[in-house]
């Protein structure tokens, strides 16, 4: 008697899980995996990326490694002193 009840409960749980998985699958199929941009948006995004790339390259050229290392060493020494 108890074994039959356990089997029925397991089957019921499996049916509910299958329904949930089916709903998730259908939901995922309806949701697009990509976004289609119009030409104006594409060109605006390309310009923005190019501007960010140029800004990053200019900052990289201006970056002084020795000054950064010096600042980092001072910061580490200060942290050690605070301990």
PDB file of N, CA and C in Angstrom:
ATOM      1  N   UNK A   1       0.824  -1.196   0.000  1.00  0.00           N
ATOM      2  CA  UNK A   1       0.000   0.000   0.000  1.00  0.00           C
ATOM      3  C   UNK A   1       0.869   1.262   0.000  1.00  0.00           C
ATOM      4  N   UNK A   2       1.867   1.319   0.890  1.00  0.00           N
ATOM      5  CA  UNK A   2       2.729   2.494   0.976  1.00  0.00           C
ATOM      6  C   UNK A   2       3.597   2.635  -0.264  1.00  0.00           C
ATOM      7  N   UNK A   3       4.035   1.493  -0.814  1.00  0.00           N
ATOM      8  CA  UNK A   3       4.866   1.537  -2.006  1.00  0.00           C
ATOM      9  C   UNK A   3       4.072   2.088  -3.193  1.00  0.00           C
ATOM     10  N   UNK A   4       2.810   1.732  -3.286  1.00  0.00           N
ATOM     11  CA  UNK A   4       1.958   2.240  -4.360  1.00  0.00           C
ATOM     12  C   UNK A   4       1.756   3.742  -4.251  1.00  0.00           C
ATOM     13  N   UNK A   5       1.618   4.232  -3.032  1.00  0.00           N
ATOM     14  CA  UNK A   5       1.453   5.664  -2.815  1.00  0.00           C
ATOM     15  C   UNK A   5       2.720   6.427  -3.212  1.00  0.00           C
ATOM     16  N   UNK A   6       3.866   5.859  -2.887  1.00  0.00           N
ATOM     17  CA  UNK A   6       5.136   6.498  -3.237  1.00  0.00           C
ATOM     18  C   UNK A   6       5.297   6.562  -4.750  1.00  0.00           C
ATOM     19  N   UNK A   7       4.942   5.487  -5.435  1.00  0.00           N
ATOM     20  CA  UNK A   7       5.052   5.462  -6.900  1.00  0.00           C
ATOM     21  C   UNK A   7       4.122   6.489  -7.520  1.00  0.00           C
ATOM     22  N   UNK A   8       2.911   6.596  -7.011  1.00  0.00           N
ATOM     23  CA  UNK A   8       1.959   7.581  -7.534  1.00  0.00           C
ATOM     24  C   UNK A   8       2.479   8.997  -7.303  1.00  0.00           C
ATOM     25  N   UNK A   9       3.049   9.262  -6.132  1.00  0.00           N
ATOM     26  CA  UNK A   9       3.595  10.601  -5.837  1.00  0.00           C
ATOM     27  C   UNK A   9       4.766  10.934  -6.761  1.00  0.00           C
ATOM     28  N   UNK A  10       5.648   9.961  -6.994  1.00  0.00           N
ATOM     29  CA  UNK A  10       6.797  10.173  -7.883  1.00  0.00           C
ATOM     30  C   UNK A  10       6.310  10.458  -9.295  1.00  0.00           C
ATOM     31  N   UNK A  11       5.335   9.679  -9.768  1.00  0.00           N
ATOM     32  CA  UNK A  11       4.787   9.919 -11.100  1.00  0.00           C
ATOM     33  C   UNK A  11       4.124  11.293 -11.197  1.00  0.00           C
ATOM     34  N   UNK A  12       3.419  11.698 -10.163  1.00  0.00           N
ATOM     35  CA  UNK A  12       2.777  13.008 -10.142  1.00  0.00           C
ATOM     36  C   UNK A  12       3.822  14.125 -10.209  1.00  0.00           C
ATOM     37  N   UNK A  13       4.885  13.970  -9.435  1.00  0.00           N
ATOM     38  CA  UNK A  13       5.967  14.973  -9.451  1.00  0.00           C
ATOM     39  C   UNK A  13       6.616  15.033 -10.826  1.00  0.00           C
ATOM     40  N   UNK A  14       6.847  13.863 -11.443  1.00  0.00           N
ATOM     41  CA  UNK A  14       7.440  13.841 -12.781  1.00  0.00           C
ATOM     42  C   UNK A  14       6.545  14.502 -13.820  1.00  0.00           C
ATOM     43  N   UNK A  15       5.246  14.302 -13.722  1.00  0.00           N
ATOM     44  CA  UNK A  15       4.310  14.945 -14.652  1.00  0.00           C
ATOM     45  C   UNK A  15       4.352  16.459 -14.481  1.00  0.00           C
ATOM     46  N   UNK A  16       4.362  16.928 -13.255  1.00  0.00           N
ATOM     47  CA  UNK A  16       4.408  18.370 -12.991  1.00  0.00           C
ATOM     48  C   UNK A  16       5.723  18.957 -13.524  1.00  0.00           C
ATOM     49  N   UNK A  17       6.833  18.259 -13.289  1.00  0.00           N
ATOM     50  CA  UNK A  17       8.116  18.745 -13.797  1.00  0.00           C
ATOM     51  C   UNK A  17       8.143  18.785 -15.314  1.00  0.00           C
ATOM     52  N   UNK A  18       7.554  17.798 -15.963  1.00  0.00           N
ATOM     53  CA  UNK A  18       7.491  17.808 -17.429  1.00  0.00           C
ATOM     54  C   UNK A  18       6.666  18.980 -17.938  1.00  0.00           C
ATOM     55  N   UNK A  19       5.578  19.282 -17.275  1.00  0.00           N
ATOM     56  CA  UNK A  19       4.758  20.434 -17.679  1.00  0.00           C
ATOM     57  C   UNK A  19       5.550  21.724 -17.525  1.00  0.00           C
ATOM     58  N   UNK A  20       6.268  21.873 -16.418  1.00  0.00           N
ATOM     59  CA  UNK A  20       7.082  23.076 -16.195  1.00  0.00           C
ATOM     60  C   UNK A  20       8.160  23.194 -17.264  1.00  0.00           C
ATOM     61  N   UNK A  21       8.848  22.087 -17.557  1.00  0.00           N
ATOM     62  CA  UNK A  21       9.878  22.107 -18.601  1.00  0.00           C
ATOM     63  C   UNK A  21       9.297  22.439 -19.967  1.00  0.00           C
ATOM     64  N   UNK A  22       8.124  21.927 -20.269  1.00  0.00           N
ATOM     65  CA  UNK A  22       7.464  22.235 -21.537  1.00  0.00           C
ATOM     66  C   UNK A  22       7.143  23.725 -21.631  1.00  0.00           C
ATOM     67  N   UNK A  23       6.648  24.303 -20.547  1.00  0.00           N
ATOM     68  CA  UNK A  23       6.350  25.744 -20.541  1.00  0.00           C
ATOM     69  C   UNK A  23       7.617  26.577 -20.712  1.00  0.00           C
ATOM     70  N   UNK A  24       8.682  26.165 -20.057  1.00  0.00           N
ATOM     71  CA  UNK A  24       9.955  26.879 -20.217  1.00  0.00           C
ATOM     72  C   UNK A  24      10.473  26.774 -21.645  1.00  0.00           C
ATOM     73  N   UNK A  25      10.350  25.600 -22.238  1.00  0.00           N
ATOM     74  CA  UNK A  25      10.788  25.397 -23.615  1.00  0.00           C
ATOM     75  C   UNK A  25       9.997  26.275 -24.573  1.00  0.00           C
ATOM     76  N   UNK A  26       8.683  26.305 -24.419  1.00  0.00           N
ATOM     77  CA  UNK A  26       7.855  27.131 -25.292  1.00  0.00           C
ATOM     78  C   UNK A  26       8.164  28.616 -25.104  1.00  0.00           C
ATOM     79  N   UNK A  27       8.417  29.005 -23.889  1.00  0.00           N
ATOM     80  CA  UNK A  27       8.769  30.400 -23.624  1.00  0.00           C
ATOM     81  C   UNK A  27      10.094  30.764 -24.281  1.00  0.00           C
ATOM     82  N   UNK A  28      11.056  29.866 -24.217  1.00  0.00           N
ATOM     83  CA  UNK A  28      12.361  30.126 -24.819  1.00  0.00           C
ATOM     84  C   UNK A  28      12.272  30.181 -26.339  1.00  0.00           C
ATOM     85  N   UNK A  29      11.396  29.396 -26.921  1.00  0.00           N
ATOM     86  CA  UNK A  29      11.256  29.412 -28.378  1.00  0.00           C
ATOM     87  C   UNK A  29      10.647  30.722 -28.868  1.00  0.00           C
ATOM     88  N   UNK A  30       9.775  31.294 -28.081  1.00  0.00           N
ATOM     89  CA  UNK A  30       9.122  32.547 -28.493  1.00  0.00           C
ATOM     90  C   UNK A  30      10.023  33.757 -28.324  1.00  0.00           C
ATOM     91  N   UNK A  31      11.013  33.660 -27.457  1.00  0.00           N
ATOM     92  CA  UNK A  31      11.910  34.777 -27.197  1.00  0.00           C
ATOM     93  C   UNK A  31      13.048  34.743 -28.209  1.00  0.00           C
ATOM     94  N   UNK A  32      13.259  35.843 -28.938  1.00  0.00           N
ATOM     95  CA  UNK A  32      14.360  35.839 -29.921  1.00  0.00           C
ATOM     96  C   UNK A  32      15.720  35.824 -29.217  1.00  0.00           C
ATOM     97  N   UNK A  33      16.654  35.126 -29.818  1.00  0.00           N
ATOM     98  CA  UNK A  33      17.998  35.038 -29.256  1.00  0.00           C
ATOM     99  C   UNK A  33      18.888  36.192 -29.710  1.00  0.00           C
ATOM    100  N   UNK A  34      18.451  36.952 -30.663  1.00  0.00           N
ATOM    101  CA  UNK A  34      19.241  38.055 -31.178  1.00  0.00           C
ATOM    102  C   UNK A  34      18.337  39.249 -31.427  1.00  0.00           C
ATOM    103  N   UNK A  35      18.964  40.398 -31.566  1.00  0.00           N
ATOM    104  CA  UNK A  35      18.213  41.617 -31.818  1.00  0.00           C
ATOM    105  C   UNK A  35      18.593  42.134 -33.198  1.00  0.00           C
ATOM    106  N   UNK A  36      17.620  42.489 -33.976  1.00  0.00           N
ATOM    107  CA  UNK A  36      17.877  43.027 -35.306  1.00  0.00           C
ATOM    108  C   UNK A  36      17.801  44.544 -35.221  1.00  0.00           C
ATOM    109  N   UNK A  37      18.905  45.194 -35.621  1.00  0.00           N
ATOM    110  CA  UNK A  37      18.957  46.653 -35.599  1.00  0.00           C
ATOM    111  C   UNK A  37      18.754  47.195 -37.006  1.00  0.00           C
ATOM    112  N   UNK A  38      18.143  48.364 -37.094  1.00  0.00           N
ATOM    113  CA  UNK A  38      18.042  49.016 -38.385  1.00  0.00           C
ATOM    114  C   UNK A  38      19.396  49.652 -38.722  1.00  0.00           C
ATOM    115  N   UNK A  39      19.537  50.108 -39.945  1.00  0.00           N
ATOM    116  CA  UNK A  39      20.832  50.624 -40.415  1.00  0.00           C
ATOM    117  C   UNK A  39      21.287  51.848 -39.625  1.00  0.00           C
ATOM    118  N   UNK A  40      20.367  52.722 -39.255  1.00  0.00           N
ATOM    119  CA  UNK A  40      20.729  53.921 -38.501  1.00  0.00           C
ATOM    120  C   UNK A  40      21.296  53.552 -37.131  1.00  0.00           C
ATOM    121  N   UNK A  41      20.667  52.606 -36.468  1.00  0.00           N
ATOM    122  CA  UNK A  41      21.142  52.171 -35.153  1.00  0.00           C
ATOM    123  C   UNK A  41      22.485  51.473 -35.278  1.00  0.00           C
ATOM    124  N   UNK A  42      22.644  50.653 -36.315  1.00  0.00           N
ATOM    125  CA  UNK A  42      23.912  49.972 -36.536  1.00  0.00           C
ATOM    126  C   UNK A  42      25.042  50.976 -36.718  1.00  0.00           C
ATOM    127  N   UNK A  43      24.811  51.975 -37.547  1.00  0.00           N
ATOM    128  CA  UNK A  43      25.867  52.957 -37.812  1.00  0.00           C
ATOM    129  C   UNK A  43      26.161  53.774 -36.548  1.00  0.00           C
ATOM    130  N   UNK A  44      25.140  54.084 -35.763  1.00  0.00           N
ATOM    131  CA  UNK A  44      25.366  54.813 -34.511  1.00  0.00           C
ATOM    132  C   UNK A  44      26.190  53.976 -33.542  1.00  0.00           C
ATOM    133  N   UNK A  45      25.883  52.689 -33.466  1.00  0.00           N
ATOM    134  CA  UNK A  45      26.655  51.803 -32.594  1.00  0.00           C
ATOM    135  C   UNK A  45      28.093  51.671 -33.075  1.00  0.00           C
ATOM    136  N   UNK A  46      28.289  51.574 -34.375  1.00  0.00           N
ATOM    137  CA  UNK A  46      29.653  51.489 -34.920  1.00  0.00           C
ATOM    138  C   UNK A  46      30.445  52.755 -34.602  1.00  0.00           C
ATOM    139  N   UNK A  47      29.812  53.916 -34.760  1.00  0.00           N
ATOM    140  CA  UNK A  47      30.495  55.181 -34.439  1.00  0.00           C
ATOM    141  C   UNK A  47      30.868  55.233 -32.968  1.00  0.00           C
ATOM    142  N   UNK A  48      29.959  54.798 -32.121  1.00  0.00           N
ATOM    143  CA  UNK A  48      30.217  54.806 -30.669  1.00  0.00           C
ATOM    144  C   UNK A  48      31.384  53.890 -30.313  1.00  0.00           C
ATOM    145  N   UNK A  49      31.403  52.700 -30.916  1.00  0.00           N
ATOM    146  CA  UNK A  49      32.493  51.761 -30.657  1.00  0.00           C
ATOM    147  C   UNK A  49      33.815  52.335 -31.149  1.00  0.00           C
ATOM    148  N   UNK A  50      33.807  52.940 -32.329  1.00  0.00           N
ATOM    149  CA  UNK A  50      35.045  53.534 -32.848  1.00  0.00           C
ATOM    150  C   UNK A  50      35.527  54.674 -31.960  1.00  0.00           C
ATOM    151  N   UNK A  51      34.591  55.493 -31.459  1.00  0.00           N
ATOM    152  CA  UNK A  51      34.975  56.584 -30.563  1.00  0.00           C
ATOM    153  C   UNK A  51      35.562  56.042 -29.262  1.00  0.00           C
ATOM    154  N   UNK A  52      34.942  55.012 -28.719  1.00  0.00           N
ATOM    155  CA  UNK A  52      35.468  54.407 -27.491  1.00  0.00           C
ATOM    156  C   UNK A  52      36.842  53.797 -27.727  1.00  0.00           C
ATOM    157  N   UNK A  53      37.029  53.179 -28.881  1.00  0.00           N
ATOM    158  CA  UNK A  53      38.321  52.584 -29.221  1.00  0.00           C
ATOM    159  C   UNK A  53      39.394  53.667 -29.318  1.00  0.00           C
ATOM    160  N   UNK A  54      39.071  54.768 -29.973  1.00  0.00           N
ATOM    161  CA  UNK A  54      40.031  55.870 -30.096  1.00  0.00           C
ATOM    162  C   UNK A  54      40.359  56.460 -28.730  1.00  0.00           C
ATOM    163  N   UNK A  55      39.356  56.642 -27.887  1.00  0.00           N
ATOM    164  CA  UNK A  55      39.592  57.163 -26.535  1.00  0.00           C
ATOM    165  C   UNK A  55      40.499  56.232 -25.740  1.00  0.00           C
ATOM    166  N   UNK A  56      40.248  54.948 -25.837  1.00  0.00           N
ATOM    167  CA  UNK A  56      41.055  53.971 -25.113  1.00  0.00           C
ATOM    168  C   UNK A  56      42.494  53.961 -25.622  1.00  0.00           C
ATOM    169  N   UNK A  57      42.664  54.037 -26.931  1.00  0.00           N
ATOM    170  CA  UNK A  57      44.017  54.061 -27.491  1.00  0.00           C
ATOM    171  C   UNK A  57      44.769  55.313 -27.066  1.00  0.00           C
ATOM    172  N   UNK A  58      44.090  56.452 -27.023  1.00  0.00           N
ATOM    173  CA  UNK A  58      44.767  57.683 -26.605  1.00  0.00           C
ATOM    174  C   UNK A  58      45.140  57.630 -25.123  1.00  0.00           C
ATOM    175  N   UNK A  59      44.262  57.073 -24.305  1.00  0.00           N
ATOM    176  CA  UNK A  59      44.593  56.923 -22.886  1.00  0.00           C
ATOM    177  C   UNK A  59      45.739  55.945 -22.684  1.00  0.00           C
ATOM    178  N   UNK A  60      45.779  54.921 -23.496  1.00  0.00           N
ATOM    179  CA  UNK A  60      46.853  53.940 -23.399  1.00  0.00           C
ATOM    180  C   UNK A  60      48.190  54.560 -23.788  1.00  0.00           C
ATOM    181  N   UNK A  61      48.179  55.434 -24.780  1.00  0.00           N
ATOM    182  CA  UNK A  61      49.416  56.109 -25.178  1.00  0.00           C
ATOM    183  C   UNK A  61      49.899  57.066 -24.100  1.00  0.00           C
ATOM    184  N   UNK A  62      48.977  57.674 -23.383  1.00  0.00           N
ATOM    185  CA  UNK A  62      49.327  58.624 -22.332  1.00  0.00           C
ATOM    186  C   UNK A  62      49.660  57.951 -21.002  1.00  0.00           C
ATOM    187  N   UNK A  63      49.409  56.674 -20.901  1.00  0.00           N
ATOM    188  CA  UNK A  63      49.603  55.950 -19.647  1.00  0.00           C
ATOM    189  C   UNK A  63      51.091  55.772 -19.371  1.00  0.00           C
ATOM    190  N   UNK A  64      51.510  56.182 -18.178  1.00  0.00           N
ATOM    191  CA  UNK A  64      52.913  56.086 -17.780  1.00  0.00           C
ATOM    192  C   UNK A  64      53.061  54.922 -16.805  1.00  0.00           C
ATOM    193  N   UNK A  65      53.708  53.864 -17.254  1.00  0.00           N
ATOM    194  CA  UNK A  65      53.838  52.650 -16.456  1.00  0.00           C
ATOM    195  C   UNK A  65      54.697  52.906 -15.218  1.00  0.00           C
ATOM    196  N   UNK A  66      55.775  53.653 -15.378  1.00  0.00           N
ATOM    197  CA  UNK A  66      56.665  53.884 -14.232  1.00  0.00           C
ATOM    198  C   UNK A  66      55.964  54.679 -13.147  1.00  0.00           C
ATOM    199  N   UNK A  67      55.175  55.668 -13.530  1.00  0.00           N
ATOM    200  CA  UNK A  67      54.418  56.452 -12.543  1.00  0.00           C
ATOM    201  C   UNK A  67      53.383  55.576 -11.850  1.00  0.00           C
ATOM    202  N   UNK A  68      52.735  54.712 -12.613  1.00  0.00           N
ATOM    203  CA  UNK A  68      51.747  53.806 -12.042  1.00  0.00           C
ATOM    204  C   UNK A  68      52.404  52.850 -11.048  1.00  0.00           C
ATOM    205  N   UNK A  69      53.579  52.300 -11.418  1.00  0.00           N
ATOM    206  CA  UNK A  69      54.289  51.396 -10.512  1.00  0.00           C
ATOM    207  C   UNK A  69      54.683  52.111  -9.220  1.00  0.00           C
ATOM    208  N   UNK A  70      55.142  53.352  -9.360  1.00  0.00           N
ATOM    209  CA  UNK A  70      55.541  54.136  -8.186  1.00  0.00           C
ATOM    210  C   UNK A  70      54.338  54.359  -7.266  1.00  0.00           C
ATOM    211  N   UNK A  71      53.220  54.734  -7.835  1.00  0.00           N
ATOM    212  CA  UNK A  71      52.003  54.953  -7.055  1.00  0.00           C
ATOM    213  C   UNK A  71      51.548  53.659  -6.389  1.00  0.00           C
ATOM    214  N   UNK A  72      51.639  52.563  -7.109  1.00  0.00           N
ATOM    215  CA  UNK A  72      51.250  51.274  -6.563  1.00  0.00           C
ATOM    216  C   UNK A  72      52.149  50.879  -5.399  1.00  0.00           C
ATOM    217  N   UNK A  73      53.456  51.066  -5.533  1.00  0.00           N
ATOM    218  CA  UNK A  73      54.390  50.741  -4.454  1.00  0.00           C
ATOM    219  C   UNK A  73      54.111  51.589  -3.212  1.00  0.00           C
ATOM    220  N   UNK A  74      53.831  52.870  -3.432  1.00  0.00           N
ATOM    221  CA  UNK A  74      53.515  53.741  -2.303  1.00  0.00           C
ATOM    222  C   UNK A  74      52.235  53.285  -1.608  1.00  0.00           C
ATOM    223  N   UNK A  75      51.269  52.895  -2.386  1.00  0.00           N
ATOM    224  CA  UNK A  75      50.006  52.423  -1.815  1.00  0.00           C
ATOM    225  C   UNK A  75      50.212  51.140  -1.010  1.00  0.00           C
ATOM    226  N   UNK A  76      51.012  50.232  -1.551  1.00  0.00           N
ATOM    227  CA  UNK A  76      51.295  48.998  -0.836  1.00  0.00           C
ATOM    228  C   UNK A  76      52.038  49.256   0.453  1.00  0.00           C
ATOM    229  N   UNK A  77      53.036  50.147   0.395  1.00  0.00           N
ATOM    230  CA  UNK A  77      53.794  50.492   1.597  1.00  0.00           C
ATOM    231  C   UNK A  77      52.885  51.124   2.664  1.00  0.00           C
ATOM    232  N   UNK A  78      51.960  51.950   2.215  1.00  0.00           N
ATOM    233  CA  UNK A  78      51.033  52.585   3.151  1.00  0.00           C
ATOM    234  C   UNK A  78      50.111  51.549   3.783  1.00  0.00           C
ATOM    235  N   UNK A  79      49.640  50.577   2.993  1.00  0.00           N
ATOM    236  CA  UNK A  79      48.790  49.521   3.528  1.00  0.00           C
ATOM    237  C   UNK A  79      49.557  48.682   4.538  1.00  0.00           C
ATOM    238  N   UNK A  80      50.833  48.413   4.257  1.00  0.00           N
ATOM    239  CA  UNK A  80      51.659  47.626   5.180  1.00  0.00           C
ATOM    240  C   UNK A  80      51.851  48.382   6.480  1.00  0.00           C
ATOM    241  N   UNK A  81      52.076  49.690   6.393  1.00  0.00           N
ATOM    242  CA  UNK A  81      52.258  50.496   7.590  1.00  0.00           C
ATOM    243  C   UNK A  81      50.972  50.508   8.424  1.00  0.00           C
ATOM    244  N   UNK A  82      49.841  50.500   7.778  1.00  0.00           N
ATOM    245  CA  UNK A  82      48.560  50.534   8.499  1.00  0.00           C
ATOM    246  C   UNK A  82      48.274  49.214   9.214  1.00  0.00           C
ATOM    247  N   UNK A  83      48.897  48.157   8.762  1.00  0.00           N
ATOM    248  CA  UNK A  83      48.699  46.862   9.428  1.00  0.00           C
ATOM    249  C   UNK A  83      49.460  46.885  10.716  1.00  0.00           C
TER     250      UNK A  83
END
